[in-house]
Amino acid sequence: MRDFEYFEPSNIAEAVSLLVKYNGQAKLMAGGTDVVVRLKHDSVKPKYIVNIGSISDLDYITVDDKKGIRIGALTTMRALEKSQELQEACPILSQAASLLGNPAIRNVATIGGNICNASPAADTIPPLVVLSAKAKLVGPKGERIVSIQDFCTGPGCTICQTGEVLTEIQVPVPPANTRSIYLKHAARGLGDLAIVGVAVVATIESKDRICKDVKIALGAVAPTPIRAFEAEKVIKGQKITQSVIEKCAEAARDEASPISDVRSSAEYRKILVKVYVKKALSEMVA
């Protein structure tokens, strides 16, 4: 680990000012579960660390039927996992948070950090994508709201501009009859990095099982988490039968464009996409 200068701003304005001042040389840190590891391995070599972890007004979860769900960027995975309000209004987020790492990591890791790390295998991003979530960024030019679906531009890369800080995640309250699920496959238990992640949100008529609307997102099978648009077309407006589920899963598999790495081959990842999309849809209508 190389030497660096450490700052702990007391508010967002101060954090933005530091990031602008040390443009390109500063690294933002929240929970630190990723940044600290990367510092130890010299995979990042910043001259300055800006730790926003002590800004208490970025740690909250609010649920309002009209305004939607608001989550502060410093909200921990443990808080997401255990929030009764979130479990009732948007269970897929609590579910995804519960699958990240182990309890010790979830006590520290933040949702903002998980998003800004921009890993293709991030557990919270596919669920946020299918929920049509947005992110509030605060920077030297003020605030702007961006879609989570557009937030990641590549592995470790985001649309954040110089000095911008992610402060809040905004999620519309899902409509009635909406079901959701997040499934992942990992090599060493669910707490490990996802080899494949699948998030599905669907509005289904209970009586005849017609899929009125559906969004499917895939993680760890492309440079960024992606929507499976062609798979969605297969099932949207259709009665959900095993035949339709099979065709939808096959379409999702064909949309994936994974790589081979130390955790899995590309071919195996494609197989897993089909398996887990099929499993997710089957569990939702069971």
C-alpha atoms as a PDB file:
ATOM      1  CA  MET A   1       0.000   0.000   0.000  1.00  0.00           C
ATOM      2  CA  ARG A   2       1.347   3.387  -0.986  1.00  0.00           C
ATOM      3  CA  ASP A   3       1.145   6.543   1.133  1.00  0.00           C
ATOM      4  CA  PHE A   4      -1.789   8.883   0.583  1.00  0.00           C
ATOM      5  CA  GLU A   5      -3.314  11.933   2.210  1.00  0.00           C
ATOM      6  CA  TYR A   6      -6.612  11.252   3.992  1.00  0.00           C
ATOM      7  CA  PHE A   7      -9.646  13.542   4.235  1.00  0.00           C
ATOM      8  CA  GLU A   8     -12.926  13.007   6.081  1.00  0.00           C
ATOM      9  CA  PRO A   9     -15.366  15.744   4.981  1.00  0.00           C
ATOM     10  CA  SER A  10     -18.326  16.569   7.206  1.00  0.00           C
ATOM     11  CA  ASN A  11     -20.744  17.282   4.343  1.00  0.00           C
ATOM     12  CA  ILE A  12     -21.253  16.707   0.623  1.00  0.00           C
ATOM     13  CA  ALA A  13     -20.197  20.235  -0.371  1.00  0.00           C
ATOM     14  CA  GLU A  14     -16.825  19.705   1.266  1.00  0.00           C
ATOM     15  CA  ALA A  15     -16.443  16.306  -0.411  1.00  0.00           C
ATOM     16  CA  VAL A  16     -17.242  17.784  -3.824  1.00  0.00           C
ATOM     17  CA  SER A  17     -14.739  20.593  -3.242  1.00  0.00           C
ATOM     18  CA  LEU A  18     -11.973  18.110  -2.400  1.00  0.00           C
ATOM     19  CA  LEU A  19     -12.711  15.949  -5.440  1.00  0.00           C
ATOM     20  CA  VAL A  20     -12.581  18.988  -7.703  1.00  0.00           C
ATOM     21  CA  LYS A  21      -9.376  20.274  -6.104  1.00  0.00           C
ATOM     22  CA  TYR A  22      -7.575  16.959  -6.484  1.00  0.00           C
ATOM     23  CA  ASN A  23      -9.102  16.078  -9.850  1.00  0.00           C
ATOM     24  CA  GLY A  24      -7.953  12.655 -11.028  1.00  0.00           C
ATOM     25  CA  GLN A  25      -5.768  12.074  -7.977  1.00  0.00           C
ATOM     26  CA  ALA A  26      -8.448  11.495  -5.326  1.00  0.00           C
ATOM     27  CA  LYS A  27     -10.414   8.341  -4.585  1.00  0.00           C
ATOM     28  CA  LEU A  28     -13.826   8.494  -2.948  1.00  0.00           C
ATOM     29  CA  MET A  29     -14.515   5.973  -0.182  1.00  0.00           C
ATOM     30  CA  ALA A  30     -17.702   5.065   1.709  1.00  0.00           C
ATOM     31  CA  GLY A  31     -17.752   1.707   3.538  1.00  0.00           C
ATOM     32  CA  GLY A  32     -14.326   0.851   2.209  1.00  0.00           C
ATOM     33  CA  THR A  33     -14.954  -2.876   1.672  1.00  0.00           C
ATOM     34  CA  ASP A  34     -13.724  -2.591  -1.913  1.00  0.00           C
ATOM     35  CA  VAL A  35     -11.394   0.405  -1.822  1.00  0.00           C
ATOM     36  CA  VAL A  36      -9.305  -0.829   1.119  1.00  0.00           C
ATOM     37  CA  VAL A  37      -8.699  -4.180  -0.572  1.00  0.00           C
ATOM     38  CA  ARG A  38      -7.680  -2.467  -3.793  1.00  0.00           C
ATOM     39  CA  LEU A  39      -5.361  -0.126  -1.900  1.00  0.00           C
ATOM     40  CA  LYS A  40      -3.644  -3.084  -0.233  1.00  0.00           C
ATOM     41  CA  HIS A  41      -3.090  -4.741  -3.609  1.00  0.00           C
ATOM     42  CA  ASP A  42      -1.983  -1.495  -5.274  1.00  0.00           C
ATOM     43  CA  SER A  43      -4.674  -1.878  -7.936  1.00  0.00           C
ATOM     44  CA  VAL A  44      -5.550   1.760  -7.203  1.00  0.00           C
ATOM     45  CA  LYS A  45      -2.898   4.318  -6.315  1.00  0.00           C
ATOM     46  CA  PRO A  46      -4.562   7.593  -5.325  1.00  0.00           C
ATOM     47  CA  LYS A  47      -2.647  10.438  -3.744  1.00  0.00           C
ATOM     48  CA  TYR A  48      -5.736  11.399  -1.750  1.00  0.00           C
ATOM     49  CA  ILE A  49      -8.574   9.470  -0.096  1.00  0.00           C
ATOM     50  CA  VAL A  50     -11.870  11.292   0.491  1.00  0.00           C
ATOM     51  CA  ASN A  51     -13.893   9.256   2.994  1.00  0.00           C
ATOM     52  CA  ILE A  52     -17.564  10.311   3.097  1.00  0.00           C
ATOM     53  CA  GLY A  53     -18.511   7.510   5.502  1.00  0.00           C
ATOM     54  CA  SER A  54     -19.152   9.860   8.415  1.00  0.00           C
ATOM     55  CA  ILE A  55     -21.765  12.017   6.629  1.00  0.00           C
ATOM     56  CA  SER A  56     -24.743  10.796   8.657  1.00  0.00           C
ATOM     57  CA  ASP A  57     -27.483  12.416   6.569  1.00  0.00           C
ATOM     58  CA  LEU A  58     -26.724  10.012   3.695  1.00  0.00           C
ATOM     59  CA  ASP A  59     -27.858   6.991   5.708  1.00  0.00           C
ATOM     60  CA  TYR A  60     -31.640   6.483   5.436  1.00  0.00           C
ATOM     61  CA  ILE A  61     -34.478   4.472   3.914  1.00  0.00           C
ATOM     62  CA  THR A  62     -37.859   6.115   3.388  1.00  0.00           C
ATOM     63  CA  VAL A  63     -40.936   4.597   1.751  1.00  0.00           C
ATOM     64  CA  ASP A  64     -43.772   6.811   0.547  1.00  0.00           C
ATOM     65  CA  ASP A  65     -46.620   5.696  -1.715  1.00  0.00           C
ATOM     66  CA  LYS A  66     -46.485   8.950  -3.696  1.00  0.00           C
ATOM     67  CA  LYS A  67     -42.814   9.947  -3.574  1.00  0.00           C
ATOM     68  CA  GLY A  68     -41.513   6.405  -3.836  1.00  0.00           C
ATOM     69  CA  ILE A  69     -38.571   4.802  -2.066  1.00  0.00           C
ATOM     70  CA  ARG A  70     -35.548   6.908  -1.183  1.00  0.00           C
ATOM     71  CA  ILE A  71     -32.280   5.327  -0.057  1.00  0.00           C
ATOM     72  CA  GLY A  72     -29.263   7.306   1.087  1.00  0.00           C
ATOM     73  CA  ALA A  73     -26.002   6.319  -0.591  1.00  0.00           C
ATOM     74  CA  LEU A  74     -24.388   5.414   2.752  1.00  0.00           C
ATOM     75  CA  THR A  75     -27.142   2.988   3.733  1.00  0.00           C
ATOM     76  CA  THR A  76     -25.503  -0.338   4.525  1.00  0.00           C
ATOM     77  CA  MET A  77     -26.402  -3.679   2.997  1.00  0.00           C
ATOM     78  CA  ARG A  78     -27.384  -4.883   6.453  1.00  0.00           C
ATOM     79  CA  ALA A  79     -29.868  -2.027   6.803  1.00  0.00           C
ATOM     80  CA  LEU A  80     -31.362  -2.867   3.389  1.00  0.00           C
ATOM     81  CA  GLU A  81     -31.538  -6.528   4.316  1.00  0.00           C
ATOM     82  CA  LYS A  82     -33.288  -5.925   7.638  1.00  0.00           C
ATOM     83  CA  SER A  83     -35.597  -3.005   6.764  1.00  0.00           C
ATOM     84  CA  GLN A  84     -39.193  -4.126   7.346  1.00  0.00           C
ATOM     85  CA  GLU A  85     -40.526  -1.264   5.212  1.00  0.00           C
ATOM     86  CA  LEU A  86     -38.306  -2.239   2.310  1.00  0.00           C
ATOM     87  CA  GLN A  87     -39.153  -5.930   2.634  1.00  0.00           C
ATOM     88  CA  GLU A  88     -42.832  -5.061   2.266  1.00  0.00           C
ATOM     89  CA  ALA A  89     -42.571  -2.402  -0.460  1.00  0.00           C
ATOM     90  CA  CYS A  90     -39.683  -3.737  -2.524  1.00  0.00           C
ATOM     91  CA  PRO A  91     -38.476  -7.162  -1.334  1.00  0.00           C
ATOM     92  CA  ILE A  92     -36.042  -7.708  -4.217  1.00  0.00           C
ATOM     93  CA  LEU A  93     -33.671  -5.072  -2.799  1.00  0.00           C
ATOM     94  CA  SER A  94     -33.626  -6.646   0.653  1.00  0.00           C
ATOM     95  CA  GLN A  95     -33.109 -10.025  -0.975  1.00  0.00           C
ATOM     96  CA  ALA A  96     -30.186  -8.828  -3.106  1.00  0.00           C
ATOM     97  CA  ALA A  97     -28.532  -7.109  -0.134  1.00  0.00           C
ATOM     98  CA  SER A  98     -28.763 -10.312   1.904  1.00  0.00           C
ATOM     99  CA  LEU A  99     -26.705 -12.142  -0.733  1.00  0.00           C
ATOM    100  CA  LEU A 100     -23.751  -9.760  -0.687  1.00  0.00           C
ATOM    101  CA  GLY A 101     -20.724 -11.058   1.195  1.00  0.00           C
ATOM    102  CA  ASN A 102     -21.113 -12.095   4.825  1.00  0.00           C
ATOM    103  CA  PRO A 103     -22.757 -10.295   7.784  1.00  0.00           C
ATOM    104  CA  ALA A 104     -19.520  -8.523   8.708  1.00  0.00           C
ATOM    105  CA  ILE A 105     -19.199  -7.104   5.190  1.00  0.00           C
ATOM    106  CA  ARG A 106     -22.901  -6.197   4.987  1.00  0.00           C
ATOM    107  CA  ASN A 107     -22.575  -4.221   8.222  1.00  0.00           C
ATOM    108  CA  VAL A 108     -20.090  -1.907   6.479  1.00  0.00           C
ATOM    109  CA  ALA A 109     -20.677  -2.096   2.719  1.00  0.00           C
ATOM    110  CA  THR A 110     -22.951   0.629   1.352  1.00  0.00           C
ATOM    111  CA  ILE A 111     -25.376   0.631  -1.538  1.00  0.00           C
ATOM    112  CA  GLY A 112     -23.665   3.697  -2.984  1.00  0.00           C
ATOM    113  CA  GLY A 113     -20.310   1.960  -2.925  1.00  0.00           C
ATOM    114  CA  ASN A 114     -21.727  -1.160  -4.550  1.00  0.00           C
ATOM    115  CA  ILE A 115     -23.156   0.926  -7.391  1.00  0.00           C
ATOM    116  CA  CYS A 116     -20.146   3.212  -7.875  1.00  0.00           C
ATOM    117  CA  ASN A 117     -17.723   0.295  -7.845  1.00  0.00           C
ATOM    118  CA  ALA A 118     -19.453  -0.530 -11.162  1.00  0.00           C
ATOM    119  CA  SER A 119     -18.668  -4.222 -11.090  1.00  0.00           C
ATOM    120  CA  PRO A 120     -20.513  -6.249 -13.749  1.00  0.00           C
ATOM    121  CA  ALA A 121     -21.210  -8.705 -10.908  1.00  0.00           C
ATOM    122  CA  ALA A 122     -22.644  -6.141  -8.457  1.00  0.00           C
ATOM    123  CA  ASP A 123     -25.630  -7.594  -6.592  1.00  0.00           C
ATOM    124  CA  THR A 124     -27.694  -4.425  -6.213  1.00  0.00           C
ATOM    125  CA  ILE A 125     -27.475  -3.076  -9.761  1.00  0.00           C
ATOM    126  CA  PRO A 126     -29.602  -5.670 -11.653  1.00  0.00           C
ATOM    127  CA  PRO A 127     -32.484  -5.290  -9.141  1.00  0.00           C
ATOM    128  CA  LEU A 128     -32.243  -1.491  -9.358  1.00  0.00           C
ATOM    129  CA  VAL A 129     -32.257  -1.671 -13.153  1.00  0.00           C
ATOM    130  CA  VAL A 130     -35.485  -3.701 -13.285  1.00  0.00           C
ATOM    131  CA  LEU A 131     -37.032  -1.375 -10.704  1.00  0.00           C
ATOM    132  CA  SER A 132     -36.369   1.623 -13.008  1.00  0.00           C
ATOM    133  CA  ALA A 133     -34.337   3.216 -10.228  1.00  0.00           C
ATOM    134  CA  LYS A 134     -32.520   6.525 -10.544  1.00  0.00           C
ATOM    135  CA  ALA A 135     -29.480   8.017  -8.870  1.00  0.00           C
ATOM    136  CA  LYS A 136     -29.074  11.547  -7.571  1.00  0.00           C
ATOM    137  CA  LEU A 137     -25.631  12.995  -8.185  1.00  0.00           C
ATOM    138  CA  VAL A 138     -24.324  16.150  -6.537  1.00  0.00           C
ATOM    139  CA  GLY A 139     -21.358  17.947  -8.057  1.00  0.00           C
ATOM    140  CA  PRO A 140     -19.806  21.362  -8.678  1.00  0.00           C
ATOM    141  CA  LYS A 141     -22.573  22.173 -11.195  1.00  0.00           C
ATOM    142  CA  GLY A 142     -25.379  21.199  -8.817  1.00  0.00           C
ATOM    143  CA  GLU A 143     -27.654  18.153  -8.806  1.00  0.00           C
ATOM    144  CA  ARG A 144     -28.706  15.825 -11.597  1.00  0.00           C
ATOM    145  CA  ILE A 145     -30.807  12.666 -11.746  1.00  0.00           C
ATOM    146  CA  VAL A 146     -29.667   9.752 -13.911  1.00  0.00           C
ATOM    147  CA  SER A 147     -31.006   6.285 -14.619  1.00  0.00           C
ATOM    148  CA  ILE A 148     -29.261   3.406 -12.859  1.00  0.00           C
ATOM    149  CA  GLN A 149     -29.535   1.532 -16.158  1.00  0.00           C
ATOM    150  CA  ASP A 150     -27.194   4.123 -17.718  1.00  0.00           C
ATOM    151  CA  PHE A 151     -24.985   4.644 -14.662  1.00  0.00           C
ATOM    152  CA  CYS A 152     -22.295   2.048 -15.402  1.00  0.00           C
ATOM    153  CA  THR A 153     -20.348   2.563 -18.623  1.00  0.00           C
ATOM    154  CA  GLY A 154     -17.885  -0.310 -18.226  1.00  0.00           C
ATOM    155  CA  PRO A 155     -16.104  -2.363 -15.542  1.00  0.00           C
ATOM    156  CA  GLY A 156     -15.222   0.117 -12.804  1.00  0.00           C
ATOM    157  CA  CYS A 157     -16.463   3.062 -14.890  1.00  0.00           C
ATOM    158  CA  THR A 158     -19.524   5.274 -14.361  1.00  0.00           C
ATOM    159  CA  ILE A 159     -21.079   8.406 -15.826  1.00  0.00           C
ATOM    160  CA  CYS A 160     -20.017  10.429 -12.771  1.00  0.00           C
ATOM    161  CA  GLN A 161     -18.237  13.604 -13.799  1.00  0.00           C
ATOM    162  CA  THR A 162     -15.403  15.348 -11.993  1.00  0.00           C
ATOM    163  CA  GLY A 163     -16.393  16.147  -8.423  1.00  0.00           C
ATOM    164  CA  GLU A 164     -19.745  14.350  -8.525  1.00  0.00           C
ATOM    165  CA  VAL A 165     -20.925  12.235  -5.598  1.00  0.00           C
ATOM    166  CA  LEU A 166     -23.796   9.757  -5.588  1.00  0.00           C
ATOM    167  CA  THR A 167     -26.029  10.815  -2.703  1.00  0.00           C
ATOM    168  CA  GLU A 168     -29.377   9.044  -3.149  1.00  0.00           C
ATOM    169  CA  ILE A 169     -31.099   6.178  -4.942  1.00  0.00           C
ATOM    170  CA  GLN A 170     -34.712   6.762  -5.977  1.00  0.00           C
ATOM    171  CA  VAL A 171     -37.034   3.825  -6.647  1.00  0.00           C
ATOM    172  CA  PRO A 172     -40.682   4.027  -7.773  1.00  0.00           C
ATOM    173  CA  VAL A 173     -43.013   1.967  -5.596  1.00  0.00           C
ATOM    174  CA  PRO A 174     -43.869  -1.148  -7.666  1.00  0.00           C
ATOM    175  CA  PRO A 175     -47.540  -1.336  -8.770  1.00  0.00           C
ATOM    176  CA  ALA A 176     -50.046  -3.842  -7.397  1.00  0.00           C
ATOM    177  CA  ASN A 177     -49.654  -7.481  -8.433  1.00  0.00           C
ATOM    178  CA  THR A 178     -45.938  -6.954  -8.970  1.00  0.00           C
ATOM    179  CA  ARG A 179     -43.633  -9.810  -8.108  1.00  0.00           C
ATOM    180  CA  SER A 180     -39.859  -9.666  -7.989  1.00  0.00           C
ATOM    181  CA  ILE A 181     -36.881 -11.923  -7.450  1.00  0.00           C
ATOM    182  CA  TYR A 182     -33.084 -11.818  -7.564  1.00  0.00           C
ATOM    183  CA  LEU A 183     -31.076 -15.011  -7.999  1.00  0.00           C
ATOM    184  CA  LYS A 184     -27.346 -15.481  -8.315  1.00  0.00           C
ATOM    185  CA  HIS A 185     -24.887 -18.284  -8.843  1.00  0.00           C
ATOM    186  CA  ALA A 186     -21.504 -18.084  -7.137  1.00  0.00           C
ATOM    187  CA  ALA A 187     -18.621 -20.522  -6.898  1.00  0.00           C
ATOM    188  CA  ARG A 188     -18.143 -20.547  -3.126  1.00  0.00           C
ATOM    189  CA  GLY A 189     -21.598 -19.893  -1.761  1.00  0.00           C
ATOM    190  CA  LEU A 190     -23.994 -17.027  -2.339  1.00  0.00           C
ATOM    191  CA  GLY A 191     -21.807 -14.548  -0.453  1.00  0.00           C
ATOM    192  CA  ASP A 192     -19.148 -14.819  -3.164  1.00  0.00           C
ATOM    193  CA  LEU A 193     -19.103 -12.687  -6.319  1.00  0.00           C
ATOM    194  CA  ALA A 194     -21.839 -13.609  -8.756  1.00  0.00           C
ATOM    195  CA  ILE A 195     -20.855 -15.740 -11.726  1.00  0.00           C
ATOM    196  CA  VAL A 196     -24.324 -14.895 -13.014  1.00  0.00           C
ATOM    197  CA  GLY A 197     -27.010 -12.700 -11.462  1.00  0.00           C
ATOM    198  CA  VAL A 198     -30.629 -12.520 -12.609  1.00  0.00           C
ATOM    199  CA  ALA A 199     -33.201  -9.941 -11.512  1.00  0.00           C
ATOM    200  CA  VAL A 200     -36.836 -10.086 -12.613  1.00  0.00           C
ATOM    201  CA  VAL A 201     -39.740  -7.759 -11.847  1.00  0.00           C
ATOM    202  CA  ALA A 202     -43.102  -8.665 -13.364  1.00  0.00           C
ATOM    203  CA  THR A 203     -46.710  -7.539 -13.068  1.00  0.00           C
ATOM    204  CA  ILE A 204     -48.830 -10.670 -13.359  1.00  0.00           C
ATOM    205  CA  GLU A 205     -52.608 -11.077 -13.289  1.00  0.00           C
ATOM    206  CA  SER A 206     -53.259 -13.599 -10.555  1.00  0.00           C
ATOM    207  CA  LYS A 207     -56.358 -15.112 -12.149  1.00  0.00           C
ATOM    208  CA  ASP A 208     -55.138 -16.016 -15.651  1.00  0.00           C
ATOM    209  CA  ARG A 209     -51.364 -15.549 -15.158  1.00  0.00           C
ATOM    210  CA  ILE A 210     -51.053 -12.997 -17.963  1.00  0.00           C
ATOM    211  CA  CYS A 211     -47.770 -11.091 -17.799  1.00  0.00           C
ATOM    212  CA  LYS A 212     -48.768  -7.436 -18.109  1.00  0.00           C
ATOM    213  CA  ASP A 213     -45.250  -6.095 -17.765  1.00  0.00           C
ATOM    214  CA  VAL A 214     -41.794  -7.531 -17.135  1.00  0.00           C
ATOM    215  CA  LYS A 215     -38.201  -6.376 -16.803  1.00  0.00           C
ATOM    216  CA  ILE A 216     -35.251  -8.768 -16.745  1.00  0.00           C
ATOM    217  CA  ALA A 217     -31.673  -7.744 -15.931  1.00  0.00           C
ATOM    218  CA  LEU A 218     -28.542  -9.868 -16.051  1.00  0.00           C
ATOM    219  CA  GLY A 219     -25.328  -9.400 -14.088  1.00  0.00           C
ATOM    220  CA  ALA A 220     -21.785 -10.676 -14.723  1.00  0.00           C
ATOM    221  CA  VAL A 221     -22.498 -11.562 -18.373  1.00  0.00           C
ATOM    222  CA  ALA A 222     -21.437  -8.315 -20.085  1.00  0.00           C
ATOM    223  CA  PRO A 223     -19.171  -5.323 -19.339  1.00  0.00           C
ATOM    224  CA  THR A 224     -22.084  -3.824 -17.381  1.00  0.00           C
ATOM    225  CA  PRO A 225     -25.335  -5.252 -15.973  1.00  0.00           C
ATOM    226  CA  ILE A 226     -27.781  -5.401 -18.898  1.00  0.00           C
ATOM    227  CA  ARG A 227     -31.495  -5.547 -19.657  1.00  0.00           C
ATOM    228  CA  ALA A 228     -32.625  -8.657 -21.552  1.00  0.00           C
ATOM    229  CA  PHE A 229     -34.993  -6.792 -23.860  1.00  0.00           C
ATOM    230  CA  GLU A 230     -35.573  -9.629 -26.329  1.00  0.00           C
ATOM    231  CA  ALA A 231     -36.392 -12.040 -23.507  1.00  0.00           C
ATOM    232  CA  GLU A 232     -38.902  -9.534 -22.131  1.00  0.00           C
ATOM    233  CA  LYS A 233     -40.657  -9.373 -25.514  1.00  0.00           C
ATOM    234  CA  VAL A 234     -41.153 -13.154 -25.468  1.00  0.00           C
ATOM    235  CA  ILE A 235     -43.168 -13.143 -22.252  1.00  0.00           C
ATOM    236  CA  LYS A 236     -44.802  -9.701 -22.059  1.00  0.00           C
ATOM    237  CA  GLY A 237     -48.543  -9.909 -22.738  1.00  0.00           C
ATOM    238  CA  GLN A 238     -48.471 -13.693 -22.726  1.00  0.00           C
ATOM    239  CA  LYS A 239     -49.967 -16.259 -20.421  1.00  0.00           C
ATOM    240  CA  ILE A 240     -47.075 -17.623 -18.427  1.00  0.00           C
ATOM    241  CA  THR A 241     -46.698 -21.282 -19.320  1.00  0.00           C
ATOM    242  CA  GLN A 242     -43.668 -23.530 -19.077  1.00  0.00           C
ATOM    243  CA  SER A 243     -43.256 -23.245 -22.846  1.00  0.00           C
ATOM    244  CA  VAL A 244     -43.188 -19.440 -22.708  1.00  0.00           C
ATOM    245  CA  ILE A 245     -40.766 -19.519 -19.761  1.00  0.00           C
ATOM    246  CA  GLU A 246     -38.454 -21.831 -21.711  1.00  0.00           C
ATOM    247  CA  LYS A 247     -38.447 -19.531 -24.750  1.00  0.00           C
ATOM    248  CA  CYS A 248     -37.867 -16.485 -22.557  1.00  0.00           C
ATOM    249  CA  ALA A 249     -34.913 -18.143 -20.818  1.00  0.00           C
ATOM    250  CA  GLU A 250     -33.395 -19.116 -24.163  1.00  0.00           C
ATOM    251  CA  ALA A 251     -33.748 -15.561 -25.447  1.00  0.00           C
ATOM    252  CA  ALA A 252     -32.010 -14.211 -22.316  1.00  0.00           C
ATOM    253  CA  ARG A 253     -29.180 -16.705 -22.808  1.00  0.00           C
ATOM    254  CA  ASP A 254     -28.713 -15.494 -26.378  1.00  0.00           C
ATOM    255  CA  GLU A 255     -28.555 -11.848 -25.250  1.00  0.00           C
ATOM    256  CA  ALA A 256     -25.737 -12.504 -22.790  1.00  0.00           C
ATOM    257  CA  SER A 257     -22.218 -11.760 -23.979  1.00  0.00           C
ATOM    258  CA  PRO A 258     -19.995 -12.998 -21.134  1.00  0.00           C
ATOM    259  CA  ILE A 259     -16.242 -13.495 -21.012  1.00  0.00           C
ATOM    260  CA  SER A 260     -14.237 -16.401 -19.664  1.00  0.00           C
ATOM    261  CA  ASP A 261     -12.224 -15.658 -16.529  1.00  0.00           C
ATOM    262  CA  VAL A 262     -10.858 -17.418 -13.453  1.00  0.00           C
ATOM    263  CA  ARG A 263     -14.359 -17.877 -12.037  1.00  0.00           C
ATOM    264  CA  SER A 264     -16.168 -19.291 -15.055  1.00  0.00           C
ATOM    265  CA  SER A 265     -16.112 -19.886 -18.776  1.00  0.00           C
ATOM    266  CA  ALA A 266     -18.297 -17.795 -21.072  1.00  0.00           C
ATOM    267  CA  GLU A 267     -20.115 -20.928 -22.216  1.00  0.00           C
ATOM    268  CA  TYR A 268     -20.991 -21.922 -18.646  1.00  0.00           C
ATOM    269  CA  ARG A 269     -22.263 -18.436 -17.900  1.00  0.00           C
ATOM    270  CA  LYS A 270     -24.636 -18.635 -20.870  1.00  0.00           C
ATOM    271  CA  ILE A 271     -25.964 -21.951 -19.597  1.00  0.00           C
ATOM    272  CA  LEU A 272     -26.489 -20.413 -16.156  1.00  0.00           C
ATOM    273  CA  VAL A 273     -28.409 -17.461 -17.609  1.00  0.00           C
ATOM    274  CA  LYS A 274     -30.965 -19.826 -19.104  1.00  0.00           C
ATOM    275  CA  VAL A 275     -31.159 -21.895 -15.916  1.00  0.00           C
ATOM    276  CA  TYR A 276     -31.630 -18.929 -13.588  1.00  0.00           C
ATOM    277  CA  VAL A 277     -34.065 -16.963 -15.752  1.00  0.00           C
ATOM    278  CA  LYS A 278     -36.170 -20.100 -15.998  1.00  0.00           C
ATOM    279  CA  LYS A 279     -35.901 -20.654 -12.243  1.00  0.00           C
ATOM    280  CA  ALA A 280     -36.762 -17.022 -11.443  1.00  0.00           C
ATOM    281  CA  LEU A 281     -39.899 -16.983 -13.614  1.00  0.00           C
ATOM    282  CA  SER A 282     -41.027 -20.398 -12.394  1.00  0.00           C
ATOM    283  CA  GLU A 283     -40.698 -19.342  -8.755  1.00  0.00           C
ATOM    284  CA  MET A 284     -42.600 -16.107  -9.391  1.00  0.00           C
ATOM    285  CA  VAL A 285     -45.659 -17.890 -10.753  1.00  0.00           C
ATOM    286  CA  ALA A 286     -45.505 -20.921  -8.453  1.00  0.00           C
END
